[in-house]
Amino acid sequence: MPSVQNTKQKITETVKDLVFYIVGSSLTATSICMFTAPNHIAPGGVSGVSTVINYLSGWPIGLLSFLLNIPILLWAFWEIGYKMVAKTFVATVILSAAIDILGCFIQPYRGSPMLAAIFGGCLDGVGLSLVFLRGATTGGTDLIARLLERHIRSVSMGKLMMAVDGMIVIISGFVYKSMESVMYAIIAIFVSSRLIDTVLYGTDIGTGKVLFIISKKNDLIAQEILSDVDRGVTVLKSRGAYTGHENEVLLCAVRRYEVAKVKDIVHSIDKKAFLIVGDAGEITGEGFRPVGKDDKTLKEILHDGKKGGGSAQ
C-alpha cells in the first residue's frame, strides 16, 4: 500500500507541475507575442535574444529560444545533474512551444510602447512565478548566471545575471536603433521582477518556509541541498522521547518556490524520511530580508542566496 500511495502522490505532483508549467508558459508567451516582441522590446534572457534574432531573420521566437537553451541545458546537466535540471528542461520545452503556437492566434498590440512594457512585464512576471512555484525555471540567464558563478567565485550570481541581461538589452537597442527600446525593456524587467516578488513572497519578501528533516541519510540530503538549492542547512541534535535514541534533525529555511525542489531531493535520497514544512512569518538575515535594509528585487534575492539562509547557513 505505501508504494501505491507514493505512486499516486508522484502522479499528482507531476500533473500539478505540468498544469503550472502550461498556464505559466502561456502567460509568458502571451507577453512576448502580444506586447514585447511586436513593440521591439527585448527584456533580457534567452527570449530577449530570440526576439532580436527574430527581428533580423524572421525565425520563430519559440524555436530560437529552444535552440539557444540547448547548450545551456547540456552545460547544466553536466555540472548540476539531471535531477535538478529535468523540470527546467520540461518547462523550457513547453514555453518554446507555447510562444510559437500562441503566436499564430494572438493579435499583436501595437499601441503605446509604455503600456506594452507594463502589461508585458505583468504577464511575464505572473507566468514565470507559476513556473518557479513548482521548482523549475525557464532556463536562460538564470542558469547561465548560476553556472558561471560556480567558476567565478568573486562575483555574485545577481551581478552575473544583471550583466548578462544588461548586455542583451543594450544589444537590442543597437539592433532596433532605438534608445527607447532599451528604456522600455528596463521597465518591463522591473515590472516583471516586482510581480514575481509579490506572487512568490506576498507583500513581505522576508517570509518563507522552514523545513525540518529527519532521516538516516541526513549527510547526503544536506550536501544535495547545499549544492543544488544553494540554501544553508543547520544540523540540530535531537533525542527521541520514546526511544531515548540520539539523532539529528536538519533545519533549512527556503523561499516558497524552493520547497518543491527540497522535497524532491529528500524523497529521492530517502523515501522514508520524516519531513515537516512550516510557514516562517519572517526571516531576517543574509539571503532573505537584510537587517535595516529595504526589500530587494527578485533577482537580488534569488541570486544573492548563495551565502543565504540566515542562521541555517
C-alpha atoms as a PDB file:
ATOM      1  CA  MET A   1       0.000   0.000   0.000  1.00  0.00           C
ATOM      2  CA  PRO A   2       2.741   2.535   0.792  1.00  0.00           C
ATOM      3  CA  SER A   3       4.200   2.044  -2.668  1.00  0.00           C
ATOM      4  CA  VAL A   4       0.778   2.597  -4.256  1.00  0.00           C
ATOM      5  CA  GLN A   5       0.321   5.725  -2.170  1.00  0.00           C
ATOM      6  CA  ASN A   6       3.750   7.020  -3.192  1.00  0.00           C
ATOM      7  CA  THR A   7       2.948   6.354  -6.849  1.00  0.00           C
ATOM      8  CA  LYS A   8      -0.328   8.263  -6.613  1.00  0.00           C
ATOM      9  CA  GLN A   9       1.423  11.148  -4.901  1.00  0.00           C
ATOM     10  CA  LYS A  10       4.104  11.286  -7.597  1.00  0.00           C
ATOM     11  CA  ILE A  11       1.475  11.272 -10.343  1.00  0.00           C
ATOM     12  CA  THR A  12      -0.462  14.045  -8.597  1.00  0.00           C
ATOM     13  CA  GLU A  13       2.658  16.179  -8.206  1.00  0.00           C
ATOM     14  CA  THR A  14       3.641  15.589 -11.824  1.00  0.00           C
ATOM     15  CA  VAL A  15       0.185  16.651 -13.034  1.00  0.00           C
ATOM     16  CA  LYS A  16       0.401  19.790 -10.874  1.00  0.00           C
ATOM     17  CA  ASP A  17       3.818  20.560 -12.331  1.00  0.00           C
ATOM     18  CA  LEU A  18       2.529  20.266 -15.887  1.00  0.00           C
ATOM     19  CA  VAL A  19      -0.560  22.400 -15.195  1.00  0.00           C
ATOM     20  CA  PHE A  20       1.547  25.171 -13.646  1.00  0.00           C
ATOM     21  CA  TYR A  21       4.105  24.977 -16.472  1.00  0.00           C
ATOM     22  CA  ILE A  22       1.430  25.141 -19.176  1.00  0.00           C
ATOM     23  CA  VAL A  23      -0.510  28.028 -17.598  1.00  0.00           C
ATOM     24  CA  GLY A  24       2.654  29.931 -16.675  1.00  0.00           C
ATOM     25  CA  SER A  25       4.235  29.401 -20.077  1.00  0.00           C
ATOM     26  CA  SER A  26       1.045  30.507 -21.806  1.00  0.00           C
ATOM     27  CA  LEU A  27       1.048  33.794 -19.866  1.00  0.00           C
ATOM     28  CA  THR A  28       4.731  34.416 -20.604  1.00  0.00           C
ATOM     29  CA  ALA A  29       4.204  33.504 -24.253  1.00  0.00           C
ATOM     30  CA  THR A  30       1.282  35.942 -24.449  1.00  0.00           C
ATOM     31  CA  SER A  31       3.537  38.642 -23.007  1.00  0.00           C
ATOM     32  CA  ILE A  32       6.091  38.041 -25.749  1.00  0.00           C
ATOM     33  CA  CYS A  33       3.731  37.568 -28.695  1.00  0.00           C
ATOM     34  CA  MET A  34       1.246  40.316 -27.853  1.00  0.00           C
ATOM     35  CA  PHE A  35       3.273  43.022 -26.124  1.00  0.00           C
ATOM     36  CA  THR A  36       7.083  42.905 -26.082  1.00  0.00           C
ATOM     37  CA  ALA A  37       8.146  41.425 -29.435  1.00  0.00           C
ATOM     38  CA  PRO A  38       5.733  43.461 -31.635  1.00  0.00           C
ATOM     39  CA  ASN A  39       6.915  46.668 -29.939  1.00  0.00           C
ATOM     40  CA  HIS A  40      10.644  45.927 -30.248  1.00  0.00           C
ATOM     41  CA  ILE A  41      11.134  45.290 -26.539  1.00  0.00           C
ATOM     42  CA  ALA A  42      13.708  42.635 -25.601  1.00  0.00           C
ATOM     43  CA  PRO A  43      13.762  42.447 -21.768  1.00  0.00           C
ATOM     44  CA  GLY A  44      16.832  40.252 -21.375  1.00  0.00           C
ATOM     45  CA  GLY A  45      17.045  36.490 -21.164  1.00  0.00           C
ATOM     46  CA  VAL A  46      17.032  33.937 -23.948  1.00  0.00           C
ATOM     47  CA  SER A  47      13.590  35.119 -25.024  1.00  0.00           C
ATOM     48  CA  GLY A  48      15.054  38.621 -25.455  1.00  0.00           C
ATOM     49  CA  VAL A  49      17.872  37.281 -27.640  1.00  0.00           C
ATOM     50  CA  SER A  50      15.328  35.255 -29.618  1.00  0.00           C
ATOM     51  CA  THR A  51      13.190  38.353 -30.101  1.00  0.00           C
ATOM     52  CA  VAL A  52      16.159  40.254 -31.530  1.00  0.00           C
ATOM     53  CA  ILE A  53      17.156  37.387 -33.846  1.00  0.00           C
ATOM     54  CA  ASN A  54      13.535  37.062 -34.959  1.00  0.00           C
ATOM     55  CA  TYR A  55      13.580  40.753 -35.898  1.00  0.00           C
ATOM     56  CA  LEU A  56      16.714  40.205 -38.018  1.00  0.00           C
ATOM     57  CA  SER A  57      15.952  36.812 -39.554  1.00  0.00           C
ATOM     58  CA  GLY A  58      12.239  36.119 -39.211  1.00  0.00           C
ATOM     59  CA  TRP A  59      12.850  32.782 -37.468  1.00  0.00           C
ATOM     60  CA  PRO A  60      10.149  31.771 -34.921  1.00  0.00           C
ATOM     61  CA  ILE A  61      10.886  33.098 -31.433  1.00  0.00           C
ATOM     62  CA  GLY A  62       9.905  29.857 -29.688  1.00  0.00           C
ATOM     63  CA  LEU A  63      12.130  27.704 -31.887  1.00  0.00           C
ATOM     64  CA  LEU A  64      15.033  30.113 -31.426  1.00  0.00           C
ATOM     65  CA  SER A  65      14.502  30.099 -27.667  1.00  0.00           C
ATOM     66  CA  PHE A  66      14.612  26.313 -27.556  1.00  0.00           C
ATOM     67  CA  LEU A  67      17.725  26.086 -29.745  1.00  0.00           C
ATOM     68  CA  LEU A  68      19.546  28.713 -27.683  1.00  0.00           C
ATOM     69  CA  ASN A  69      18.653  26.891 -24.463  1.00  0.00           C
ATOM     70  CA  ILE A  70      20.023  23.531 -25.640  1.00  0.00           C
ATOM     71  CA  PRO A  71      23.733  24.278 -24.971  1.00  0.00           C
ATOM     72  CA  ILE A  72      22.803  25.947 -21.662  1.00  0.00           C
ATOM     73  CA  LEU A  73      20.798  22.908 -20.547  1.00  0.00           C
ATOM     74  CA  LEU A  74      23.549  20.493 -21.616  1.00  0.00           C
ATOM     75  CA  TRP A  75      26.047  22.539 -19.635  1.00  0.00           C
ATOM     76  CA  ALA A  76      23.709  22.434 -16.647  1.00  0.00           C
ATOM     77  CA  PHE A  77      23.151  18.675 -16.981  1.00  0.00           C
ATOM     78  CA  TRP A  78      26.920  18.189 -16.962  1.00  0.00           C
ATOM     79  CA  GLU A  79      27.640  20.384 -13.930  1.00  0.00           C
ATOM     80  CA  ILE A  80      24.488  20.231 -11.800  1.00  0.00           C
ATOM     81  CA  GLY A  81      22.964  16.867 -12.686  1.00  0.00           C
ATOM     82  CA  TYR A  82      19.829  15.765 -14.470  1.00  0.00           C
ATOM     83  CA  LYS A  83      17.601  15.628 -11.366  1.00  0.00           C
ATOM     84  CA  MET A  84      17.673  19.369 -10.746  1.00  0.00           C
ATOM     85  CA  VAL A  85      17.577  20.330 -14.432  1.00  0.00           C
ATOM     86  CA  ALA A  86      14.847  17.952 -15.611  1.00  0.00           C
ATOM     87  CA  LYS A  87      11.986  20.240 -14.559  1.00  0.00           C
ATOM     88  CA  THR A  88      13.651  23.223 -16.191  1.00  0.00           C
ATOM     89  CA  PHE A  89      14.018  21.242 -19.415  1.00  0.00           C
ATOM     90  CA  VAL A  90      10.292  20.383 -19.422  1.00  0.00           C
ATOM     91  CA  ALA A  91       9.292  23.985 -18.647  1.00  0.00           C
ATOM     92  CA  THR A  92      11.622  25.271 -21.389  1.00  0.00           C
ATOM     93  CA  VAL A  93      10.105  22.947 -23.996  1.00  0.00           C
ATOM     94  CA  ILE A  94       6.558  23.936 -23.024  1.00  0.00           C
ATOM     95  CA  LEU A  95       7.369  27.662 -23.111  1.00  0.00           C
ATOM     96  CA  SER A  96       9.083  27.415 -26.503  1.00  0.00           C
ATOM     97  CA  ALA A  97       6.109  25.567 -27.960  1.00  0.00           C
ATOM     98  CA  ALA A  98       3.622  27.979 -26.369  1.00  0.00           C
ATOM     99  CA  ILE A  99       5.359  31.017 -27.901  1.00  0.00           C
ATOM    100  CA  ASP A 100       5.125  29.703 -31.456  1.00  0.00           C
ATOM    101  CA  ILE A 101       1.656  28.164 -31.102  1.00  0.00           C
ATOM    102  CA  LEU A 102       0.029  31.200 -29.469  1.00  0.00           C
ATOM    103  CA  GLY A 103       1.891  33.481 -31.855  1.00  0.00           C
ATOM    104  CA  CYS A 104      -0.310  32.115 -34.638  1.00  0.00           C
ATOM    105  CA  PHE A 105      -3.512  33.169 -32.892  1.00  0.00           C
ATOM    106  CA  ILE A 106      -2.746  36.206 -30.739  1.00  0.00           C
ATOM    107  CA  GLN A 107      -3.311  39.653 -32.193  1.00  0.00           C
ATOM    108  CA  PRO A 108      -0.206  41.822 -31.517  1.00  0.00           C
ATOM    109  CA  TYR A 109      -0.717  45.040 -29.603  1.00  0.00           C
ATOM    110  CA  ARG A 110       0.926  47.957 -31.418  1.00  0.00           C
ATOM    111  CA  GLY A 111      -0.334  50.886 -29.400  1.00  0.00           C
ATOM    112  CA  SER A 112       1.575  52.654 -26.635  1.00  0.00           C
ATOM    113  CA  PRO A 113       5.038  51.092 -26.044  1.00  0.00           C
ATOM    114  CA  MET A 114       4.780  52.108 -22.394  1.00  0.00           C
ATOM    115  CA  LEU A 115       1.577  50.114 -21.954  1.00  0.00           C
ATOM    116  CA  ALA A 116       3.188  47.228 -23.847  1.00  0.00           C
ATOM    117  CA  ALA A 117       6.158  47.254 -21.444  1.00  0.00           C
ATOM    118  CA  ILE A 118       3.919  47.407 -18.359  1.00  0.00           C
ATOM    119  CA  PHE A 119       1.384  44.769 -19.371  1.00  0.00           C
ATOM    120  CA  GLY A 120       4.069  42.600 -20.935  1.00  0.00           C
ATOM    121  CA  GLY A 121       6.036  42.746 -17.682  1.00  0.00           C
ATOM    122  CA  CYS A 122       2.917  41.860 -15.675  1.00  0.00           C
ATOM    123  CA  LEU A 123       2.083  38.789 -17.734  1.00  0.00           C
ATOM    124  CA  ASP A 124       5.707  37.699 -17.828  1.00  0.00           C
ATOM    125  CA  GLY A 125       6.055  38.083 -14.049  1.00  0.00           C
ATOM    126  CA  VAL A 126       2.933  36.097 -13.206  1.00  0.00           C
ATOM    127  CA  GLY A 127       3.786  33.408 -15.773  1.00  0.00           C
ATOM    128  CA  LEU A 128       7.336  32.919 -14.515  1.00  0.00           C
ATOM    129  CA  SER A 129       6.088  32.879 -10.914  1.00  0.00           C
ATOM    130  CA  LEU A 130       3.870  29.886 -11.645  1.00  0.00           C
ATOM    131  CA  VAL A 131       6.852  28.034 -13.095  1.00  0.00           C
ATOM    132  CA  PHE A 132       9.070  28.994 -10.136  1.00  0.00           C
ATOM    133  CA  LEU A 133       6.426  27.815  -7.659  1.00  0.00           C
ATOM    134  CA  ARG A 134       6.857  24.250  -8.933  1.00  0.00           C
ATOM    135  CA  GLY A 135      10.639  24.246  -8.577  1.00  0.00           C
ATOM    136  CA  ALA A 136      11.629  24.966 -12.183  1.00  0.00           C
ATOM    137  CA  THR A 137      12.879  27.856 -14.281  1.00  0.00           C
ATOM    138  CA  THR A 138      12.645  28.585 -17.992  1.00  0.00           C
ATOM    139  CA  GLY A 139      16.412  28.306 -18.487  1.00  0.00           C
ATOM    140  CA  GLY A 140      18.212  31.267 -19.996  1.00  0.00           C
ATOM    141  CA  THR A 141      20.161  33.763 -17.919  1.00  0.00           C
ATOM    142  CA  ASP A 142      19.093  32.169 -14.607  1.00  0.00           C
ATOM    143  CA  LEU A 143      21.016  29.018 -15.493  1.00  0.00           C
ATOM    144  CA  ILE A 144      23.876  30.878 -17.161  1.00  0.00           C
ATOM    145  CA  ALA A 145      24.462  33.008 -14.062  1.00  0.00           C
ATOM    146  CA  ARG A 146      24.317  30.005 -11.768  1.00  0.00           C
ATOM    147  CA  LEU A 147      26.767  28.031 -13.901  1.00  0.00           C
ATOM    148  CA  LEU A 148      29.172  30.930 -14.275  1.00  0.00           C
ATOM    149  CA  GLU A 149      29.087  31.524 -10.534  1.00  0.00           C
ATOM    150  CA  ARG A 150      30.461  28.026  -9.956  1.00  0.00           C
ATOM    151  CA  HIS A 151      33.643  29.119 -11.766  1.00  0.00           C
ATOM    152  CA  ILE A 152      33.770  32.849 -10.986  1.00  0.00           C
ATOM    153  CA  ARG A 153      33.570  32.853  -7.200  1.00  0.00           C
ATOM    154  CA  SER A 154      34.496  36.508  -6.813  1.00  0.00           C
ATOM    155  CA  VAL A 155      31.287  37.727  -8.493  1.00  0.00           C
ATOM    156  CA  SER A 156      27.793  37.102  -7.106  1.00  0.00           C
ATOM    157  CA  MET A 157      25.095  35.424  -9.190  1.00  0.00           C
ATOM    158  CA  GLY A 158      22.967  38.570  -9.026  1.00  0.00           C
ATOM    159  CA  LYS A 159      25.702  40.634 -10.626  1.00  0.00           C
ATOM    160  CA  LEU A 160      26.365  37.960 -13.251  1.00  0.00           C
ATOM    161  CA  MET A 161      22.689  37.776 -14.189  1.00  0.00           C
ATOM    162  CA  MET A 162      22.312  41.539 -14.361  1.00  0.00           C
ATOM    163  CA  ALA A 163      25.447  41.730 -16.525  1.00  0.00           C
ATOM    164  CA  VAL A 164      24.121  39.134 -18.986  1.00  0.00           C
ATOM    165  CA  ASP A 165      20.648  40.713 -19.145  1.00  0.00           C
ATOM    166  CA  GLY A 166      22.186  44.182 -19.428  1.00  0.00           C
ATOM    167  CA  MET A 167      24.262  43.188 -22.434  1.00  0.00           C
ATOM    168  CA  ILE A 168      21.196  41.703 -24.135  1.00  0.00           C
ATOM    169  CA  VAL A 169      19.139  44.852 -23.535  1.00  0.00           C
ATOM    170  CA  ILE A 170      21.942  47.126 -24.800  1.00  0.00           C
ATOM    171  CA  ILE A 171      22.495  44.997 -27.915  1.00  0.00           C
ATOM    172  CA  SER A 172      18.754  45.127 -28.634  1.00  0.00           C
ATOM    173  CA  GLY A 173      18.984  48.927 -28.613  1.00  0.00           C
ATOM    174  CA  PHE A 174      21.626  48.837 -31.353  1.00  0.00           C
ATOM    175  CA  VAL A 175      19.662  46.299 -33.392  1.00  0.00           C
ATOM    176  CA  TYR A 176      16.412  48.261 -33.156  1.00  0.00           C
ATOM    177  CA  LYS A 177      18.349  51.532 -33.479  1.00  0.00           C
ATOM    178  CA  SER A 178      16.309  52.986 -30.646  1.00  0.00           C
ATOM    179  CA  MET A 179      17.291  54.072 -27.147  1.00  0.00           C
ATOM    180  CA  GLU A 180      13.610  53.974 -26.224  1.00  0.00           C
ATOM    181  CA  SER A 181      13.591  50.201 -26.768  1.00  0.00           C
ATOM    182  CA  VAL A 182      16.261  49.892 -24.079  1.00  0.00           C
ATOM    183  CA  MET A 183      14.292  52.046 -21.649  1.00  0.00           C
ATOM    184  CA  TYR A 184      11.052  50.151 -22.260  1.00  0.00           C
ATOM    185  CA  ALA A 185      12.916  46.862 -21.753  1.00  0.00           C
ATOM    186  CA  ILE A 186      14.177  48.093 -18.381  1.00  0.00           C
ATOM    187  CA  ILE A 187      10.608  48.999 -17.405  1.00  0.00           C
ATOM    188  CA  ALA A 188       9.378  45.540 -18.436  1.00  0.00           C
ATOM    189  CA  ILE A 189      12.130  43.868 -16.383  1.00  0.00           C
ATOM    190  CA  PHE A 190      11.285  45.974 -13.334  1.00  0.00           C
ATOM    191  CA  VAL A 191       7.538  45.271 -13.551  1.00  0.00           C
ATOM    192  CA  SER A 192       8.141  41.552 -14.089  1.00  0.00           C
ATOM    193  CA  SER A 193      10.503  41.358 -11.108  1.00  0.00           C
ATOM    194  CA  ARG A 194       8.096  43.115  -8.781  1.00  0.00           C
ATOM    195  CA  LEU A 195       5.203  40.882  -9.867  1.00  0.00           C
ATOM    196  CA  ILE A 196       7.295  37.785  -9.202  1.00  0.00           C
ATOM    197  CA  ASP A 197       8.200  39.145  -5.777  1.00  0.00           C
ATOM    198  CA  THR A 198       4.501  39.646  -4.997  1.00  0.00           C
ATOM    199  CA  VAL A 199       3.331  36.247  -6.262  1.00  0.00           C
ATOM    200  CA  LEU A 200       6.135  34.236  -4.650  1.00  0.00           C
ATOM    201  CA  TYR A 201       6.586  36.091  -1.407  1.00  0.00           C
ATOM    202  CA  GLY A 202       3.430  38.174  -0.959  1.00  0.00           C
ATOM    203  CA  THR A 203       3.788  41.770   0.175  1.00  0.00           C
ATOM    204  CA  ASP A 204       6.650  40.836   2.535  1.00  0.00           C
ATOM    205  CA  ILE A 205       9.610  39.130   0.868  1.00  0.00           C
ATOM    206  CA  GLY A 206      11.102  38.445   4.290  1.00  0.00           C
ATOM    207  CA  THR A 207       8.802  35.418   4.620  1.00  0.00           C
ATOM    208  CA  GLY A 208       9.384  31.861   3.503  1.00  0.00           C
ATOM    209  CA  LYS A 209       9.199  28.238   4.606  1.00  0.00           C
ATOM    210  CA  VAL A 210      11.151  26.335   7.244  1.00  0.00           C
ATOM    211  CA  LEU A 211      11.776  22.614   6.822  1.00  0.00           C
ATOM    212  CA  PHE A 212      12.658  20.022   9.467  1.00  0.00           C
ATOM    213  CA  ILE A 213      14.091  16.804   8.036  1.00  0.00           C
ATOM    214  CA  ILE A 214      14.694  13.567   9.947  1.00  0.00           C
ATOM    215  CA  SER A 215      16.432  10.815   8.030  1.00  0.00           C
ATOM    216  CA  LYS A 216      19.117   8.160   8.357  1.00  0.00           C
ATOM    217  CA  LYS A 217      20.769   9.813   5.352  1.00  0.00           C
ATOM    218  CA  ASN A 218      20.953  13.366   6.682  1.00  0.00           C
ATOM    219  CA  ASP A 219      24.519  13.906   5.464  1.00  0.00           C
ATOM    220  CA  LEU A 220      23.634  13.114   1.838  1.00  0.00           C
ATOM    221  CA  ILE A 221      20.468  15.208   1.973  1.00  0.00           C
ATOM    222  CA  ALA A 222      22.312  18.185   3.466  1.00  0.00           C
ATOM    223  CA  GLN A 223      25.003  18.074   0.793  1.00  0.00           C
ATOM    224  CA  GLU A 224      22.411  17.940  -2.009  1.00  0.00           C
ATOM    225  CA  ILE A 225      20.527  20.921  -0.593  1.00  0.00           C
ATOM    226  CA  LEU A 226      23.746  22.896  -0.198  1.00  0.00           C
ATOM    227  CA  SER A 227      24.933  22.204  -3.752  1.00  0.00           C
ATOM    228  CA  ASP A 228      21.682  22.106  -5.740  1.00  0.00           C
ATOM    229  CA  VAL A 229      19.408  24.585  -3.947  1.00  0.00           C
ATOM    230  CA  ASP A 230      22.114  26.962  -2.720  1.00  0.00           C
ATOM    231  CA  ARG A 231      20.490  27.102   0.703  1.00  0.00           C
ATOM    232  CA  GLY A 232      22.147  26.567   4.060  1.00  0.00           C
ATOM    233  CA  VAL A 233      21.351  23.662   6.367  1.00  0.00           C
ATOM    234  CA  THR A 234      21.723  23.549  10.159  1.00  0.00           C
ATOM    235  CA  VAL A 235      22.179  20.227  11.979  1.00  0.00           C
ATOM    236  CA  LEU A 236      20.259  20.110  15.280  1.00  0.00           C
ATOM    237  CA  LYS A 237      20.960  17.489  17.913  1.00  0.00           C
ATOM    238  CA  SER A 238      17.823  15.613  19.000  1.00  0.00           C
ATOM    239  CA  ARG A 239      16.712  12.735  21.210  1.00  0.00           C
ATOM    240  CA  GLY A 240      13.622  10.602  20.756  1.00  0.00           C
ATOM    241  CA  ALA A 241      11.340  10.922  23.805  1.00  0.00           C
ATOM    242  CA  TYR A 242      10.059   7.343  23.441  1.00  0.00           C
ATOM    243  CA  THR A 243      13.203   5.503  22.323  1.00  0.00           C
ATOM    244  CA  GLY A 244      15.745   7.759  24.005  1.00  0.00           C
ATOM    245  CA  HIS A 245      17.968   7.426  20.927  1.00  0.00           C
ATOM    246  CA  GLU A 246      20.227  10.317  19.969  1.00  0.00           C
ATOM    247  CA  ASN A 247      19.604  11.644  16.464  1.00  0.00           C
ATOM    248  CA  GLU A 248      19.967  14.690  14.226  1.00  0.00           C
ATOM    249  CA  VAL A 249      17.387  16.983  12.618  1.00  0.00           C
ATOM    250  CA  LEU A 250      18.131  19.126   9.587  1.00  0.00           C
ATOM    251  CA  LEU A 251      16.787  22.691   9.642  1.00  0.00           C
ATOM    252  CA  CYS A 252      16.552  24.604   6.382  1.00  0.00           C
ATOM    253  CA  ALA A 253      14.947  27.983   5.602  1.00  0.00           C
ATOM    254  CA  VAL A 254      13.907  28.463   1.972  1.00  0.00           C
ATOM    255  CA  ARG A 255      11.698  30.518  -0.307  1.00  0.00           C
ATOM    256  CA  ARG A 256       8.244  29.150  -1.089  1.00  0.00           C
ATOM    257  CA  TYR A 257       9.154  28.204  -4.656  1.00  0.00           C
ATOM    258  CA  GLU A 258      12.171  26.189  -3.386  1.00  0.00           C
ATOM    259  CA  VAL A 259      10.085  23.834  -1.223  1.00  0.00           C
ATOM    260  CA  ALA A 260       9.263  21.508  -4.118  1.00  0.00           C
ATOM    261  CA  LYS A 261      12.931  21.263  -5.043  1.00  0.00           C
ATOM    262  CA  VAL A 262      13.967  20.370  -1.478  1.00  0.00           C
ATOM    263  CA  LYS A 263      11.179  17.775  -1.196  1.00  0.00           C
ATOM    264  CA  ASP A 264      12.337  16.171  -4.435  1.00  0.00           C
ATOM    265  CA  ILE A 265      15.881  15.935  -3.057  1.00  0.00           C
ATOM    266  CA  VAL A 266      14.748  14.416   0.251  1.00  0.00           C
ATOM    267  CA  HIS A 267      12.441  11.823  -1.302  1.00  0.00           C
ATOM    268  CA  SER A 268      14.945  10.868  -4.000  1.00  0.00           C
ATOM    269  CA  ILE A 269      17.543  10.046  -1.314  1.00  0.00           C
ATOM    270  CA  ASP A 270      15.317   8.606   1.420  1.00  0.00           C
ATOM    271  CA  LYS A 271      11.689   7.771   0.697  1.00  0.00           C
ATOM    272  CA  LYS A 272      11.124   7.052   4.396  1.00  0.00           C
ATOM    273  CA  ALA A 273      12.411  10.445   5.554  1.00  0.00           C
ATOM    274  CA  PHE A 274      10.238  12.380   8.024  1.00  0.00           C
ATOM    275  CA  LEU A 275       9.655  15.875   6.646  1.00  0.00           C
ATOM    276  CA  ILE A 276       7.912  18.849   8.276  1.00  0.00           C
ATOM    277  CA  VAL A 277       7.218  22.017   6.259  1.00  0.00           C
ATOM    278  CA  GLY A 278       6.078  25.101   8.161  1.00  0.00           C
ATOM    279  CA  ASP A 279       5.450  28.770   7.450  1.00  0.00           C
ATOM    280  CA  ALA A 280       8.059  31.305   8.503  1.00  0.00           C
ATOM    281  CA  GLY A 281       6.321  34.622   9.146  1.00  0.00           C
ATOM    282  CA  GLU A 282       9.602  36.496   8.952  1.00  0.00           C
ATOM    283  CA  ILE A 283      13.148  35.503   8.048  1.00  0.00           C
ATOM    284  CA  THR A 284      15.806  38.109   8.704  1.00  0.00           C
ATOM    285  CA  GLY A 285      19.364  37.577   7.540  1.00  0.00           C
ATOM    286  CA  GLU A 286      21.557  37.272   4.503  1.00  0.00           C
ATOM    287  CA  GLY A 287      19.697  35.809   1.548  1.00  0.00           C
ATOM    288  CA  PHE A 288      16.291  36.887   2.891  1.00  0.00           C
ATOM    289  CA  ARG A 289      15.436  40.242   4.493  1.00  0.00           C
ATOM    290  CA  PRO A 290      18.647  42.178   5.230  1.00  0.00           C
ATOM    291  CA  VAL A 291      18.701  43.799   8.661  1.00  0.00           C
ATOM    292  CA  GLY A 292      17.925  47.521   8.404  1.00  0.00           C
ATOM    293  CA  LYS A 293      17.591  47.496   4.595  1.00  0.00           C
ATOM    294  CA  ASP A 294      14.721  47.877   2.196  1.00  0.00           C
ATOM    295  CA  ASP A 295      13.272  44.990   0.226  1.00  0.00           C
ATOM    296  CA  LYS A 296      15.413  43.614  -2.567  1.00  0.00           C
ATOM    297  CA  THR A 297      14.212  42.776  -6.033  1.00  0.00           C
ATOM    298  CA  LEU A 298      13.667  39.179  -7.151  1.00  0.00           C
ATOM    299  CA  LYS A 299      16.972  38.919  -8.985  1.00  0.00           C
ATOM    300  CA  GLU A 300      18.902  40.147  -5.956  1.00  0.00           C
ATOM    301  CA  ILE A 301      17.055  37.718  -3.714  1.00  0.00           C
ATOM    302  CA  LEU A 302      17.228  34.669  -5.987  1.00  0.00           C
ATOM    303  CA  HIS A 303      20.872  35.013  -6.863  1.00  0.00           C
ATOM    304  CA  ASP A 304      22.236  36.608  -3.736  1.00  0.00           C
ATOM    305  CA  GLY A 305      21.230  33.483  -1.892  1.00  0.00           C
ATOM    306  CA  LYS A 306      24.458  31.596  -2.483  1.00  0.00           C
ATOM    307  CA  LYS A 307      25.537  32.565   1.010  1.00  0.00           C
ATOM    308  CA  GLY A 308      21.943  32.878   2.181  1.00  0.00           C
ATOM    309  CA  GLY A 309      19.849  31.007   4.649  1.00  0.00           C
ATOM    310  CA  GLY A 310      20.416  33.131   7.756  1.00  0.00           C
ATOM    311  CA  SER A 311      21.422  31.028  10.769  1.00  0.00           C
ATOM    312  CA  ALA A 312      20.735  27.917   8.694  1.00  0.00           C
ATOM    313  CA  GLN A 313      23.837  28.649   6.617  1.00  0.00           C
END
